[in-house]
Amino acid sequence: LHSYEKWTFGQAFYWAFISMSSIGFGDIVPERTEMFPITIAYILIGLALASMCIDTSAAYYIRKIHFFGRKMKSAQATVSDLIRLSVSIVQLSDSISSFFF
């Protein structure tokens, strides 16, 4: 696109990034009308790709958070079991000591 619009590489890259990320400031726009269909196709494909990348990243981190939550729930259950067990051991030792002494 930069060769058709006589943009520098930096201007073309800036336009591509801004257009694909749906920000679209409008400071750099294609001026040739025959480029509009290509521009629209580029923006639609870019938005689809960006959405897929964000969705994939979000799914990855949601799985990680879910797994971490399951591990925490398991750890909490283990701690509560240990607390109940320690209370039972104290009661058992009290019962044994009262039986023998």
PDB file of N, CA and C in Angstrom:
ATOM      1  N   LEU A   1       0.822  -1.195   0.000  1.00  0.00           N
ATOM      2  CA  LEU A   1       0.000   0.000   0.000  1.00  0.00           C
ATOM      3  C   LEU A   1       0.865   1.257   0.000  1.00  0.00           C
ATOM      4  N   HIS A   2       2.039   1.153   0.659  1.00  0.00           N
ATOM      5  CA  HIS A   2       2.858   2.368   0.734  1.00  0.00           C
ATOM      6  C   HIS A   2       3.403   2.776  -0.629  1.00  0.00           C
ATOM      7  N   SER A   3       3.580   1.825  -1.560  1.00  0.00           N
ATOM      8  CA  SER A   3       4.072   2.215  -2.886  1.00  0.00           C
ATOM      9  C   SER A   3       2.981   2.905  -3.709  1.00  0.00           C
ATOM     10  N   TYR A   4       1.730   2.532  -3.476  1.00  0.00           N
ATOM     11  CA  TYR A   4       0.629   3.188  -4.191  1.00  0.00           C
ATOM     12  C   TYR A   4       0.349   4.585  -3.643  1.00  0.00           C
ATOM     13  N   GLU A   5       0.493   4.734  -2.350  1.00  0.00           N
ATOM     14  CA  GLU A   5       0.167   6.013  -1.711  1.00  0.00           C
ATOM     15  C   GLU A   5       1.387   6.914  -1.543  1.00  0.00           C
ATOM     16  N   LYS A   6       2.550   6.432  -1.925  1.00  0.00           N
ATOM     17  CA  LYS A   6       3.805   7.195  -1.790  1.00  0.00           C
ATOM     18  C   LYS A   6       4.094   7.534  -0.325  1.00  0.00           C
ATOM     19  N   TRP A   7       3.865   6.539   0.534  1.00  0.00           N
ATOM     20  CA  TRP A   7       4.172   6.692   1.951  1.00  0.00           C
ATOM     21  C   TRP A   7       5.562   6.135   2.218  1.00  0.00           C
ATOM     22  N   THR A   8       6.190   6.604   3.289  1.00  0.00           N
ATOM     23  CA  THR A   8       7.423   5.974   3.748  1.00  0.00           C
ATOM     24  C   THR A   8       7.048   4.671   4.437  1.00  0.00           C
ATOM     25  N   PHE A   9       8.051   3.845   4.694  1.00  0.00           N
ATOM     26  CA  PHE A   9       7.782   2.591   5.388  1.00  0.00           C
ATOM     27  C   PHE A   9       7.196   2.857   6.769  1.00  0.00           C
ATOM     28  N   GLY A  10       7.727   3.850   7.457  1.00  0.00           N
ATOM     29  CA  GLY A  10       7.221   4.187   8.792  1.00  0.00           C
ATOM     30  C   GLY A  10       5.767   4.620   8.769  1.00  0.00           C
ATOM     31  N   GLN A  11       5.406   5.440   7.792  1.00  0.00           N
ATOM     32  CA  GLN A  11       4.007   5.866   7.678  1.00  0.00           C
ATOM     33  C   GLN A  11       3.101   4.680   7.361  1.00  0.00           C
ATOM     34  N   ALA A  12       3.554   3.802   6.473  1.00  0.00           N
ATOM     35  CA  ALA A  12       2.749   2.632   6.110  1.00  0.00           C
ATOM     36  C   ALA A  12       2.591   1.692   7.300  1.00  0.00           C
ATOM     37  N   PHE A  13       3.677   1.493   8.041  1.00  0.00           N
ATOM     38  CA  PHE A  13       3.602   0.624   9.218  1.00  0.00           C
ATOM     39  C   PHE A  13       2.678   1.226  10.275  1.00  0.00           C
ATOM     40  N   TYR A  14       2.806   2.524  10.496  1.00  0.00           N
ATOM     41  CA  TYR A  14       1.941   3.215  11.453  1.00  0.00           C
ATOM     42  C   TYR A  14       0.480   3.071  11.036  1.00  0.00           C
ATOM     43  N   TRP A  15       0.180   3.308   9.755  1.00  0.00           N
ATOM     44  CA  TRP A  15      -1.194   3.177   9.266  1.00  0.00           C
ATOM     45  C   TRP A  15      -1.695   1.748   9.450  1.00  0.00           C
ATOM     46  N   ALA A  16      -0.844   0.766   9.119  1.00  0.00           N
ATOM     47  CA  ALA A  16      -1.252  -0.635   9.224  1.00  0.00           C
ATOM     48  C   ALA A  16      -1.564  -1.000  10.669  1.00  0.00           C
ATOM     49  N   PHE A  17      -0.713  -0.589  11.591  1.00  0.00           N
ATOM     50  CA  PHE A  17      -0.934  -0.926  13.000  1.00  0.00           C
ATOM     51  C   PHE A  17      -2.176  -0.233  13.550  1.00  0.00           C
ATOM     52  N   ILE A  18      -2.315   1.037  13.278  1.00  0.00           N
ATOM     53  CA  ILE A  18      -3.455   1.796  13.788  1.00  0.00           C
ATOM     54  C   ILE A  18      -4.760   1.279  13.183  1.00  0.00           C
ATOM     55  N   SER A  19      -4.750   0.969  11.906  1.00  0.00           N
ATOM     56  CA  SER A  19      -5.970   0.472  11.255  1.00  0.00           C
ATOM     57  C   SER A  19      -6.330  -0.921  11.737  1.00  0.00           C
ATOM     58  N   MET A  20      -5.319  -1.792  11.888  1.00  0.00           N
ATOM     59  CA  MET A  20      -5.598  -3.163  12.299  1.00  0.00           C
ATOM     60  C   MET A  20      -6.043  -3.228  13.757  1.00  0.00           C
ATOM     61  N   SER A  21      -5.587  -2.329  14.577  1.00  0.00           N
ATOM     62  CA  SER A  21      -5.973  -2.358  15.984  1.00  0.00           C
ATOM     63  C   SER A  21      -7.277  -1.618  16.238  1.00  0.00           C
ATOM     64  N   SER A  22      -7.936  -1.206  15.209  1.00  0.00           N
ATOM     65  CA  SER A  22      -9.256  -0.557  15.221  1.00  0.00           C
ATOM     66  C   SER A  22      -9.262   0.817  15.884  1.00  0.00           C
ATOM     67  N   ILE A  23      -8.095   1.378  16.125  1.00  0.00           N
ATOM     68  CA  ILE A  23      -8.052   2.723  16.682  1.00  0.00           C
ATOM     69  C   ILE A  23      -8.427   3.718  15.595  1.00  0.00           C
ATOM     70  N   GLY A  24      -7.745   3.648  14.468  1.00  0.00           N
ATOM     71  CA  GLY A  24      -8.079   4.452  13.306  1.00  0.00           C
ATOM     72  C   GLY A  24      -8.158   5.939  13.569  1.00  0.00           C
ATOM     73  N   PHE A  25      -7.040   6.573  13.857  1.00  0.00           N
ATOM     74  CA  PHE A  25      -7.040   8.006  14.145  1.00  0.00           C
ATOM     75  C   PHE A  25      -7.498   8.838  12.956  1.00  0.00           C
ATOM     76  N   GLY A  26      -7.227   8.388  11.749  1.00  0.00           N
ATOM     77  CA  GLY A  26      -7.622   9.134  10.569  1.00  0.00           C
ATOM     78  C   GLY A  26      -6.604  10.152  10.114  1.00  0.00           C
ATOM     79  N   ASP A  27      -5.436  10.184  10.751  1.00  0.00           N
ATOM     80  CA  ASP A  27      -4.417  11.142  10.331  1.00  0.00           C
ATOM     81  C   ASP A  27      -3.711  10.700   9.053  1.00  0.00           C
ATOM     82  N   ILE A  28      -3.640   9.402   8.801  1.00  0.00           N
ATOM     83  CA  ILE A  28      -3.102   8.877   7.551  1.00  0.00           C
ATOM     84  C   ILE A  28      -4.183   7.993   6.945  1.00  0.00           C
ATOM     85  N   VAL A  29      -4.650   8.345   5.781  1.00  0.00           N
ATOM     86  CA  VAL A  29      -5.701   7.569   5.101  1.00  0.00           C
ATOM     87  C   VAL A  29      -5.314   7.397   3.638  1.00  0.00           C
ATOM     88  N   PRO A  30      -5.732   6.272   3.035  1.00  0.00           N
ATOM     89  CA  PRO A  30      -5.491   6.118   1.599  1.00  0.00           C
ATOM     90  C   PRO A  30      -6.294   7.158   0.824  1.00  0.00           C
ATOM     91  N   GLU A  31      -5.648   7.809  -0.116  1.00  0.00           N
ATOM     92  CA  GLU A  31      -6.324   8.856  -0.881  1.00  0.00           C
ATOM     93  C   GLU A  31      -6.852   8.355  -2.215  1.00  0.00           C
ATOM     94  N   ARG A  32      -6.325   7.269  -2.695  1.00  0.00           N
ATOM     95  CA  ARG A  32      -6.784   6.727  -3.973  1.00  0.00           C
ATOM     96  C   ARG A  32      -7.999   5.839  -3.728  1.00  0.00           C
ATOM     97  N   THR A  33      -9.074   6.102  -4.435  1.00  0.00           N
ATOM     98  CA  THR A  33     -10.328   5.370  -4.203  1.00  0.00           C
ATOM     99  C   THR A  33     -10.225   3.905  -4.570  1.00  0.00           C
ATOM    100  N   GLU A  34      -9.341   3.538  -5.472  1.00  0.00           N
ATOM    101  CA  GLU A  34      -9.208   2.116  -5.817  1.00  0.00           C
ATOM    102  C   GLU A  34      -8.552   1.314  -4.694  1.00  0.00           C
ATOM    103  N   MET A  35      -7.999   1.974  -3.707  1.00  0.00           N
ATOM    104  CA  MET A  35      -7.398   1.296  -2.564  1.00  0.00           C
ATOM    105  C   MET A  35      -8.406   1.027  -1.443  1.00  0.00           C
ATOM    106  N   PHE A  36      -9.584   1.604  -1.502  1.00  0.00           N
ATOM    107  CA  PHE A  36     -10.556   1.419  -0.424  1.00  0.00           C
ATOM    108  C   PHE A  36     -10.984  -0.036  -0.235  1.00  0.00           C
ATOM    109  N   PRO A  37     -11.273  -0.813  -1.283  1.00  0.00           N
ATOM    110  CA  PRO A  37     -11.620  -2.224  -1.050  1.00  0.00           C
ATOM    111  C   PRO A  37     -10.480  -3.004  -0.400  1.00  0.00           C
ATOM    112  N   ILE A  38      -9.252  -2.723  -0.820  1.00  0.00           N
ATOM    113  CA  ILE A  38      -8.101  -3.392  -0.210  1.00  0.00           C
ATOM    114  C   ILE A  38      -7.968  -2.957   1.244  1.00  0.00           C
ATOM    115  N   THR A  39      -8.189  -1.690   1.508  1.00  0.00           N
ATOM    116  CA  THR A  39      -8.113  -1.174   2.873  1.00  0.00           C
ATOM    117  C   THR A  39      -9.166  -1.821   3.759  1.00  0.00           C
ATOM    118  N   ILE A  40     -10.382  -1.919   3.269  1.00  0.00           N
ATOM    119  CA  ILE A  40     -11.462  -2.527   4.055  1.00  0.00           C
ATOM    120  C   ILE A  40     -11.163  -3.997   4.319  1.00  0.00           C
ATOM    121  N   ALA A  41     -10.693  -4.716   3.295  1.00  0.00           N
ATOM    122  CA  ALA A  41     -10.345  -6.129   3.481  1.00  0.00           C
ATOM    123  C   ALA A  41      -9.218  -6.269   4.500  1.00  0.00           C
ATOM    124  N   TYR A  42      -8.202  -5.411   4.409  1.00  0.00           N
ATOM    125  CA  TYR A  42      -7.089  -5.458   5.351  1.00  0.00           C
ATOM    126  C   TYR A  42      -7.567  -5.225   6.780  1.00  0.00           C
ATOM    127  N   ILE A  43      -8.417  -4.239   6.962  1.00  0.00           N
ATOM    128  CA  ILE A  43      -8.907  -3.923   8.305  1.00  0.00           C
ATOM    129  C   ILE A  43      -9.742  -5.075   8.853  1.00  0.00           C
ATOM    130  N   LEU A  44     -10.613  -5.657   8.039  1.00  0.00           N
ATOM    131  CA  LEU A  44     -11.448  -6.771   8.509  1.00  0.00           C
ATOM    132  C   LEU A  44     -10.603  -7.989   8.868  1.00  0.00           C
ATOM    133  N   ILE A  45      -9.648  -8.320   8.009  1.00  0.00           N
ATOM    134  CA  ILE A  45      -8.771  -9.459   8.301  1.00  0.00           C
ATOM    135  C   ILE A  45      -7.916  -9.164   9.528  1.00  0.00           C
ATOM    136  N   GLY A  46      -7.406  -7.947   9.632  1.00  0.00           N
ATOM    137  CA  GLY A  46      -6.591  -7.578  10.788  1.00  0.00           C
ATOM    138  C   GLY A  46      -7.367  -7.628  12.089  1.00  0.00           C
ATOM    139  N   LEU A  47      -8.597  -7.147  12.068  1.00  0.00           N
ATOM    140  CA  LEU A  47      -9.420  -7.207  13.282  1.00  0.00           C
ATOM    141  C   LEU A  47      -9.735  -8.643  13.660  1.00  0.00           C
ATOM    142  N   ALA A  48      -9.991  -9.491  12.658  1.00  0.00           N
ATOM    143  CA  ALA A  48     -10.259 -10.901  12.946  1.00  0.00           C
ATOM    144  C   ALA A  48      -9.033 -11.564  13.561  1.00  0.00           C
ATOM    145  N   LEU A  49      -7.861 -11.309  12.996  1.00  0.00           N
ATOM    146  CA  LEU A  49      -6.635 -11.891  13.546  1.00  0.00           C
ATOM    147  C   LEU A  49      -6.343 -11.369  14.950  1.00  0.00           C
ATOM    148  N   ALA A  50      -6.508 -10.085  15.153  1.00  0.00           N
ATOM    149  CA  ALA A  50      -6.269  -9.514  16.482  1.00  0.00           C
ATOM    150  C   ALA A  50      -7.245 -10.091  17.502  1.00  0.00           C
ATOM    151  N   SER A  51      -8.503 -10.256  17.102  1.00  0.00           N
ATOM    152  CA  SER A  51      -9.502 -10.837  18.006  1.00  0.00           C
ATOM    153  C   SER A  51      -9.159 -12.281  18.344  1.00  0.00           C
ATOM    154  N   MET A  52      -8.700 -13.036  17.348  1.00  0.00           N
ATOM    155  CA  MET A  52      -8.323 -14.426  17.605  1.00  0.00           C
ATOM    156  C   MET A  52      -7.130 -14.509  18.549  1.00  0.00           C
ATOM    157  N   CYS A  53      -6.155 -13.630  18.382  1.00  0.00           N
ATOM    158  CA  CYS A  53      -4.993 -13.626  19.273  1.00  0.00           C
ATOM    159  C   CYS A  53      -5.397 -13.284  20.703  1.00  0.00           C
ATOM    160  N   ILE A  54      -6.242 -12.299  20.852  1.00  0.00           N
ATOM    161  CA  ILE A  54      -6.704 -11.916  22.188  1.00  0.00           C
ATOM    162  C   ILE A  54      -7.514 -13.044  22.812  1.00  0.00           C
ATOM    163  N   ASP A  55      -8.381 -13.680  22.031  1.00  0.00           N
ATOM    164  CA  ASP A  55      -9.198 -14.780  22.537  1.00  0.00           C
ATOM    165  C   ASP A  55      -8.329 -15.959  22.958  1.00  0.00           C
ATOM    166  N   THR A  56      -7.327 -16.290  22.150  1.00  0.00           N
ATOM    167  CA  THR A  56      -6.430 -17.396  22.484  1.00  0.00           C
ATOM    168  C   THR A  56      -5.653 -17.098  23.760  1.00  0.00           C
ATOM    169  N   SER A  57      -5.156 -15.890  23.887  1.00  0.00           N
ATOM    170  CA  SER A  57      -4.423 -15.507  25.099  1.00  0.00           C
ATOM    171  C   SER A  57      -5.333 -15.532  26.319  1.00  0.00           C
ATOM    172  N   ALA A  58      -6.535 -15.023  26.175  1.00  0.00           N
ATOM    173  CA  ALA A  58      -7.477 -15.011  27.299  1.00  0.00           C
ATOM    174  C   ALA A  58      -7.832 -16.427  27.718  1.00  0.00           C
ATOM    175  N   ALA A  59      -8.069 -17.315  26.762  1.00  0.00           N
ATOM    176  CA  ALA A  59      -8.404 -18.704  27.092  1.00  0.00           C
ATOM    177  C   ALA A  59      -7.251 -19.377  27.827  1.00  0.00           C
ATOM    178  N   TYR A  60      -6.029 -19.101  27.405  1.00  0.00           N
ATOM    179  CA  TYR A  60      -4.857 -19.675  28.067  1.00  0.00           C
ATOM    180  C   TYR A  60      -4.787 -19.235  29.528  1.00  0.00           C
ATOM    181  N   TYR A  61      -4.931 -17.940  29.758  1.00  0.00           N
ATOM    182  CA  TYR A  61      -4.828 -17.435  31.126  1.00  0.00           C
ATOM    183  C   TYR A  61      -6.030 -17.831  31.974  1.00  0.00           C
ATOM    184  N   ILE A  62      -7.199 -17.966  31.382  1.00  0.00           N
ATOM    185  CA  ILE A  62      -8.363 -18.430  32.140  1.00  0.00           C
ATOM    186  C   ILE A  62      -8.148 -19.869  32.590  1.00  0.00           C
ATOM    187  N   ARG A  63      -7.586 -20.710  31.696  1.00  0.00           N
ATOM    188  CA  ARG A  63      -7.280 -22.089  32.090  1.00  0.00           C
ATOM    189  C   ARG A  63      -6.267 -22.116  33.220  1.00  0.00           C
ATOM    190  N   LYS A  64      -5.240 -21.271  33.128  1.00  0.00           N
ATOM    191  CA  LYS A  64      -4.227 -21.218  34.188  1.00  0.00           C
ATOM    192  C   LYS A  64      -4.849 -20.793  35.517  1.00  0.00           C
ATOM    193  N   ILE A  65      -5.695 -19.773  35.487  1.00  0.00           N
ATOM    194  CA  ILE A  65      -6.342 -19.292  36.709  1.00  0.00           C
ATOM    195  C   ILE A  65      -7.271 -20.358  37.274  1.00  0.00           C
ATOM    196  N   HIS A  66      -7.999 -21.051  36.398  1.00  0.00           N
ATOM    197  CA  HIS A  66      -8.899 -22.110  36.858  1.00  0.00           C
ATOM    198  C   HIS A  66      -8.100 -23.232  37.521  1.00  0.00           C
ATOM    199  N   PHE A  67      -6.984 -23.638  36.900  1.00  0.00           N
ATOM    200  CA  PHE A  67      -6.145 -24.688  37.471  1.00  0.00           C
ATOM    201  C   PHE A  67      -5.580 -24.244  38.811  1.00  0.00           C
ATOM    202  N   PHE A  68      -5.138 -22.989  38.900  1.00  0.00           N
ATOM    203  CA  PHE A  68      -4.617 -22.462  40.158  1.00  0.00           C
ATOM    204  C   PHE A  68      -5.705 -22.466  41.230  1.00  0.00           C
ATOM    205  N   GLY A  69      -6.929 -22.083  40.847  1.00  0.00           N
ATOM    206  CA  GLY A  69      -8.042 -22.094  41.794  1.00  0.00           C
ATOM    207  C   GLY A  69      -8.351 -23.493  42.292  1.00  0.00           C
ATOM    208  N   ARG A  70      -8.281 -24.482  41.392  1.00  0.00           N
ATOM    209  CA  ARG A  70      -8.517 -25.865  41.812  1.00  0.00           C
ATOM    210  C   ARG A  70      -7.440 -26.324  42.777  1.00  0.00           C
ATOM    211  N   LYS A  71      -6.184 -25.938  42.509  1.00  0.00           N
ATOM    212  CA  LYS A  71      -5.099 -26.318  43.419  1.00  0.00           C
ATOM    213  C   LYS A  71      -5.272 -25.643  44.782  1.00  0.00           C
ATOM    214  N   MET A  72      -5.711 -24.387  44.776  1.00  0.00           N
ATOM    215  CA  MET A  72      -5.926 -23.686  46.039  1.00  0.00           C
ATOM    216  C   MET A  72      -7.061 -24.322  46.826  1.00  0.00           C
ATOM    217  N   LYS A  73      -8.128 -24.716  46.134  1.00  0.00           N
ATOM    218  CA  LYS A  73      -9.244 -25.363  46.810  1.00  0.00           C
ATOM    219  C   LYS A  73      -8.793 -26.688  47.420  1.00  0.00           C
ATOM    220  N   SER A  74      -7.962 -27.423  46.689  1.00  0.00           N
ATOM    221  CA  SER A  74      -7.433 -28.681  47.204  1.00  0.00           C
ATOM    222  C   SER A  74      -6.527 -28.432  48.408  1.00  0.00           C
ATOM    223  N   ALA A  75      -5.716 -27.381  48.345  1.00  0.00           N
ATOM    224  CA  ALA A  75      -4.836 -27.053  49.467  1.00  0.00           C
ATOM    225  C   ALA A  75      -5.649 -26.630  50.686  1.00  0.00           C
ATOM    226  N   GLN A  76      -6.719 -25.863  50.472  1.00  0.00           N
ATOM    227  CA  GLN A  76      -7.574 -25.458  51.588  1.00  0.00           C
ATOM    228  C   GLN A  76      -8.237 -26.674  52.222  1.00  0.00           C
ATOM    229  N   ALA A  77      -8.680 -27.623  51.398  1.00  0.00           N
ATOM    230  CA  ALA A  77      -9.299 -28.835  51.933  1.00  0.00           C
ATOM    231  C   ALA A  77      -8.283 -29.634  52.739  1.00  0.00           C
ATOM    232  N   THR A  78      -7.051 -29.699  52.269  1.00  0.00           N
ATOM    233  CA  THR A  78      -6.008 -30.421  52.992  1.00  0.00           C
ATOM    234  C   THR A  78      -5.711 -29.750  54.326  1.00  0.00           C
ATOM    235  N   VAL A  79      -5.635 -28.434  54.334  1.00  0.00           N
ATOM    236  CA  VAL A  79      -5.369 -27.709  55.582  1.00  0.00           C
ATOM    237  C   VAL A  79      -6.512 -27.914  56.567  1.00  0.00           C
ATOM    238  N   SER A  80      -7.758 -27.846  56.096  1.00  0.00           N
ATOM    239  CA  SER A  80      -8.877 -28.048  57.020  1.00  0.00           C
ATOM    240  C   SER A  80      -8.903 -29.486  57.525  1.00  0.00           C
ATOM    241  N   ASP A  81      -8.528 -30.458  56.691  1.00  0.00           N
ATOM    242  CA  ASP A  81      -8.428 -31.844  57.157  1.00  0.00           C
ATOM    243  C   ASP A  81      -7.346 -31.980  58.217  1.00  0.00           C
ATOM    244  N   LEU A  82      -6.222 -31.319  58.014  1.00  0.00           N
ATOM    245  CA  LEU A  82      -5.144 -31.379  59.002  1.00  0.00           C
ATOM    246  C   LEU A  82      -5.554 -30.722  60.314  1.00  0.00           C
ATOM    247  N   ILE A  83      -6.298 -29.637  60.240  1.00  0.00           N
ATOM    248  CA  ILE A  83      -6.761 -28.977  61.467  1.00  0.00           C
ATOM    249  C   ILE A  83      -7.709 -29.898  62.222  1.00  0.00           C
ATOM    250  N   ARG A  84      -8.656 -30.512  61.500  1.00  0.00           N
ATOM    251  CA  ARG A  84      -9.567 -31.454  62.163  1.00  0.00           C
ATOM    252  C   ARG A  84      -8.811 -32.645  62.730  1.00  0.00           C
ATOM    253  N   LEU A  85      -7.810 -33.120  61.995  1.00  0.00           N
ATOM    254  CA  LEU A  85      -7.014 -34.246  62.463  1.00  0.00           C
ATOM    255  C   LEU A  85      -6.225 -33.868  63.705  1.00  0.00           C
ATOM    256  N   SER A  86      -5.666 -32.662  63.754  1.00  0.00           N
ATOM    257  CA  SER A  86      -4.903 -32.254  64.931  1.00  0.00           C
ATOM    258  C   SER A  86      -5.815 -32.120  66.143  1.00  0.00           C
ATOM    259  N   VAL A  87      -7.058 -31.651  65.940  1.00  0.00           N
ATOM    260  CA  VAL A  87      -8.017 -31.583  67.041  1.00  0.00           C
ATOM    261  C   VAL A  87      -8.355 -32.989  67.507  1.00  0.00           C
ATOM    262  N   SER A  88      -8.513 -33.912  66.577  1.00  0.00           N
ATOM    263  CA  SER A  88      -8.811 -35.302  66.942  1.00  0.00           C
ATOM    264  C   SER A  88      -7.648 -35.925  67.688  1.00  0.00           C
ATOM    265  N   ILE A  89      -6.423 -35.608  67.293  1.00  0.00           N
ATOM    266  CA  ILE A  89      -5.251 -36.152  67.982  1.00  0.00           C
ATOM    267  C   ILE A  89      -5.172 -35.603  69.396  1.00  0.00           C
ATOM    268  N   VAL A  90      -5.462 -34.323  69.577  1.00  0.00           N
ATOM    269  CA  VAL A  90      -5.455 -33.727  70.915  1.00  0.00           C
ATOM    270  C   VAL A  90      -6.525 -34.391  71.776  1.00  0.00           C
ATOM    271  N   GLN A  91      -7.719 -34.584  71.225  1.00  0.00           N
ATOM    272  CA  GLN A  91      -8.788 -35.245  71.973  1.00  0.00           C
ATOM    273  C   GLN A  91      -8.412 -36.686  72.300  1.00  0.00           C
ATOM    274  N   LEU A  92      -7.779 -37.377  71.351  1.00  0.00           N
ATOM    275  CA  LEU A  92      -7.359 -38.754  71.587  1.00  0.00           C
ATOM    276  C   LEU A  92      -6.300 -38.818  72.672  1.00  0.00           C
ATOM    277  N   SER A  93      -5.325 -37.909  72.634  1.00  0.00           N
ATOM    278  CA  SER A  93      -4.284 -37.927  73.672  1.00  0.00           C
ATOM    279  C   SER A  93      -4.876 -37.566  75.035  1.00  0.00           C
ATOM    280  N   ASP A  94      -5.853 -36.657  75.074  1.00  0.00           N
ATOM    281  CA  ASP A  94      -6.521 -36.339  76.339  1.00  0.00           C
ATOM    282  C   ASP A  94      -7.288 -37.548  76.859  1.00  0.00           C
ATOM    283  N   SER A  95      -7.954 -38.260  75.976  1.00  0.00           N
ATOM    284  CA  SER A  95      -8.712 -39.451  76.382  1.00  0.00           C
ATOM    285  C   SER A  95      -7.783 -40.534  76.901  1.00  0.00           C
ATOM    286  N   ILE A  96      -6.659 -40.736  76.231  1.00  0.00           N
ATOM    287  CA  ILE A  96      -5.706 -41.761  76.662  1.00  0.00           C
ATOM    288  C   ILE A  96      -5.097 -41.375  78.000  1.00  0.00           C
ATOM    289  N   SER A  97      -4.725 -40.105  78.140  1.00  0.00           N
ATOM    290  CA  SER A  97      -4.116 -39.690  79.406  1.00  0.00           C
ATOM    291  C   SER A  97      -5.126 -39.755  80.548  1.00  0.00           C
ATOM    292  N   SER A  98      -6.387 -39.449  80.285  1.00  0.00           N
ATOM    293  CA  SER A  98      -7.378 -39.539  81.357  1.00  0.00           C
ATOM    294  C   SER A  98      -7.703 -40.997  81.679  1.00  0.00           C
ATOM    295  N   PHE A  99      -7.568 -41.880  80.713  1.00  0.00           N
ATOM    296  CA  PHE A  99      -7.835 -43.295  80.955  1.00  0.00           C
ATOM    297  C   PHE A  99      -6.747 -43.920  81.824  1.00  0.00           C
ATOM    298  N   PHE A 100      -5.489 -43.559  81.555  1.00  0.00           N
ATOM    299  CA  PHE A 100      -4.388 -44.171  82.277  1.00  0.00           C
ATOM    300  C   PHE A 100      -4.000 -43.413  83.535  1.00  0.00           C
ATOM    301  N   PHE A 101      -4.307 -42.150  83.626  1.00  0.00           N
ATOM    302  CA  PHE A 101      -3.825 -41.389  84.784  1.00  0.00           C
ATOM    303  C   PHE A 101      -4.943 -40.855  85.578  1.00  0.00           C
TER     304      PHE A 101
END
